[in-house]
Amino acid sequence: MNTEKPNIHIYINTKVRTKIVRTFFIFISASYLLGIVPTYFITHHRRVHETILETLFRVGCR
């Protein structure tokens, strides 16, 4: 029974992290689709914008 506990704990943590990342992806996709993200941000802060997307992509694919 003691050997099962850590595995369940890791499983729950992974599940929660996946859920958080998925929620974040959905939120960002929704804001793009709804046009909440201003064009100003995309054009004037493209470098920041790309870095954020790159980080999200890396975290999401891990």
C-alpha atoms as a PDB file:
ATOM      1  CA  MET A   1       0.000   0.000   0.000  1.00  0.00           C
ATOM      2  CA  ASN A   2       2.871   2.391   0.787  1.00  0.00           C
ATOM      3  CA  THR A   3       4.399   1.876  -2.675  1.00  0.00           C
ATOM      4  CA  GLU A   4       1.157   2.946  -4.387  1.00  0.00           C
ATOM      5  CA  LYS A   5       0.759   6.260  -2.571  1.00  0.00           C
ATOM      6  CA  PRO A   6       3.594   8.239  -4.275  1.00  0.00           C
ATOM      7  CA  ASN A   7       2.469   7.055  -7.732  1.00  0.00           C
ATOM      8  CA  ILE A   8      -1.085   8.275  -7.106  1.00  0.00           C
ATOM      9  CA  HIS A   9       0.298  11.595  -5.820  1.00  0.00           C
ATOM     10  CA  ILE A  10       2.418  12.083  -8.977  1.00  0.00           C
ATOM     11  CA  TYR A  11      -0.558  11.094 -11.155  1.00  0.00           C
ATOM     12  CA  ILE A  12      -2.796  13.694  -9.481  1.00  0.00           C
ATOM     13  CA  ASN A  13      -0.118  16.399  -9.819  1.00  0.00           C
ATOM     14  CA  THR A  14       0.339  15.637 -13.536  1.00  0.00           C
ATOM     15  CA  LYS A  15      -3.416  15.656 -14.066  1.00  0.00           C
ATOM     16  CA  VAL A  16      -3.794  19.022 -12.308  1.00  0.00           C
ATOM     17  CA  ARG A  17      -0.878  20.529 -14.264  1.00  0.00           C
ATOM     18  CA  THR A  18      -2.329  19.272 -17.557  1.00  0.00           C
ATOM     19  CA  LYS A  19      -5.714  20.743 -16.620  1.00  0.00           C
ATOM     20  CA  ILE A  20      -4.164  24.136 -15.777  1.00  0.00           C
ATOM     21  CA  VAL A  21      -2.175  24.227 -19.040  1.00  0.00           C
ATOM     22  CA  ARG A  22      -5.228  23.169 -21.056  1.00  0.00           C
ATOM     23  CA  THR A  23      -7.379  25.842 -19.391  1.00  0.00           C
ATOM     24  CA  PHE A  24      -4.686  28.424 -20.133  1.00  0.00           C
ATOM     25  CA  PHE A  25      -4.514  27.351 -23.796  1.00  0.00           C
ATOM     26  CA  ILE A  26      -8.304  27.537 -24.124  1.00  0.00           C
ATOM     27  CA  PHE A  27      -8.350  30.976 -22.478  1.00  0.00           C
ATOM     28  CA  ILE A  28      -5.685  32.351 -24.844  1.00  0.00           C
ATOM     29  CA  SER A  29      -7.348  30.799 -27.908  1.00  0.00           C
ATOM     30  CA  ALA A  30     -10.683  32.269 -26.835  1.00  0.00           C
ATOM     31  CA  SER A  31      -9.210  35.738 -26.329  1.00  0.00           C
ATOM     32  CA  TYR A  32      -7.631  35.597 -29.809  1.00  0.00           C
ATOM     33  CA  LEU A  33     -10.882  34.474 -31.397  1.00  0.00           C
ATOM     34  CA  LEU A  34     -12.906  37.118 -29.581  1.00  0.00           C
ATOM     35  CA  GLY A  35     -10.363  39.806 -30.422  1.00  0.00           C
ATOM     36  CA  ILE A  36      -9.688  40.630 -26.766  1.00  0.00           C
ATOM     37  CA  VAL A  37      -5.951  40.669 -27.440  1.00  0.00           C
ATOM     38  CA  PRO A  38      -5.385  44.100 -29.033  1.00  0.00           C
ATOM     39  CA  THR A  39      -3.630  44.408 -32.383  1.00  0.00           C
ATOM     40  CA  TYR A  40      -1.384  47.003 -30.713  1.00  0.00           C
ATOM     41  CA  PHE A  41       0.035  44.373 -28.367  1.00  0.00           C
ATOM     42  CA  ILE A  42       0.747  41.953 -31.217  1.00  0.00           C
ATOM     43  CA  THR A  43       2.424  44.545 -33.481  1.00  0.00           C
ATOM     44  CA  HIS A  44       4.364  46.551 -30.892  1.00  0.00           C
ATOM     45  CA  HIS A  45       5.297  43.745 -28.538  1.00  0.00           C
ATOM     46  CA  ARG A  46       5.788  40.976 -31.075  1.00  0.00           C
ATOM     47  CA  ARG A  47       8.985  39.761 -29.383  1.00  0.00           C
ATOM     48  CA  VAL A  48       7.272  39.459 -26.002  1.00  0.00           C
ATOM     49  CA  HIS A  49       4.248  37.877 -27.659  1.00  0.00           C
ATOM     50  CA  GLU A  50       6.349  35.247 -29.472  1.00  0.00           C
ATOM     51  CA  THR A  51       8.301  34.444 -26.306  1.00  0.00           C
ATOM     52  CA  ILE A  52       5.045  33.866 -24.395  1.00  0.00           C
ATOM     53  CA  LEU A  53       3.688  31.598 -27.142  1.00  0.00           C
ATOM     54  CA  GLU A  54       6.994  29.697 -27.349  1.00  0.00           C
ATOM     55  CA  THR A  55       7.019  29.144 -23.575  1.00  0.00           C
ATOM     56  CA  LEU A  56       3.386  27.979 -23.610  1.00  0.00           C
ATOM     57  CA  PHE A  57       4.117  25.613 -26.489  1.00  0.00           C
ATOM     58  CA  ARG A  58       7.114  24.109 -24.662  1.00  0.00           C
ATOM     59  CA  VAL A  59       5.152  23.671 -21.421  1.00  0.00           C
ATOM     60  CA  GLY A  60       2.175  22.223 -23.286  1.00  0.00           C
ATOM     61  CA  CYS A  61       4.245  19.658 -25.190  1.00  0.00           C
ATOM     62  CA  ARG A  62       6.246  18.496 -22.168  1.00  0.00           C
END
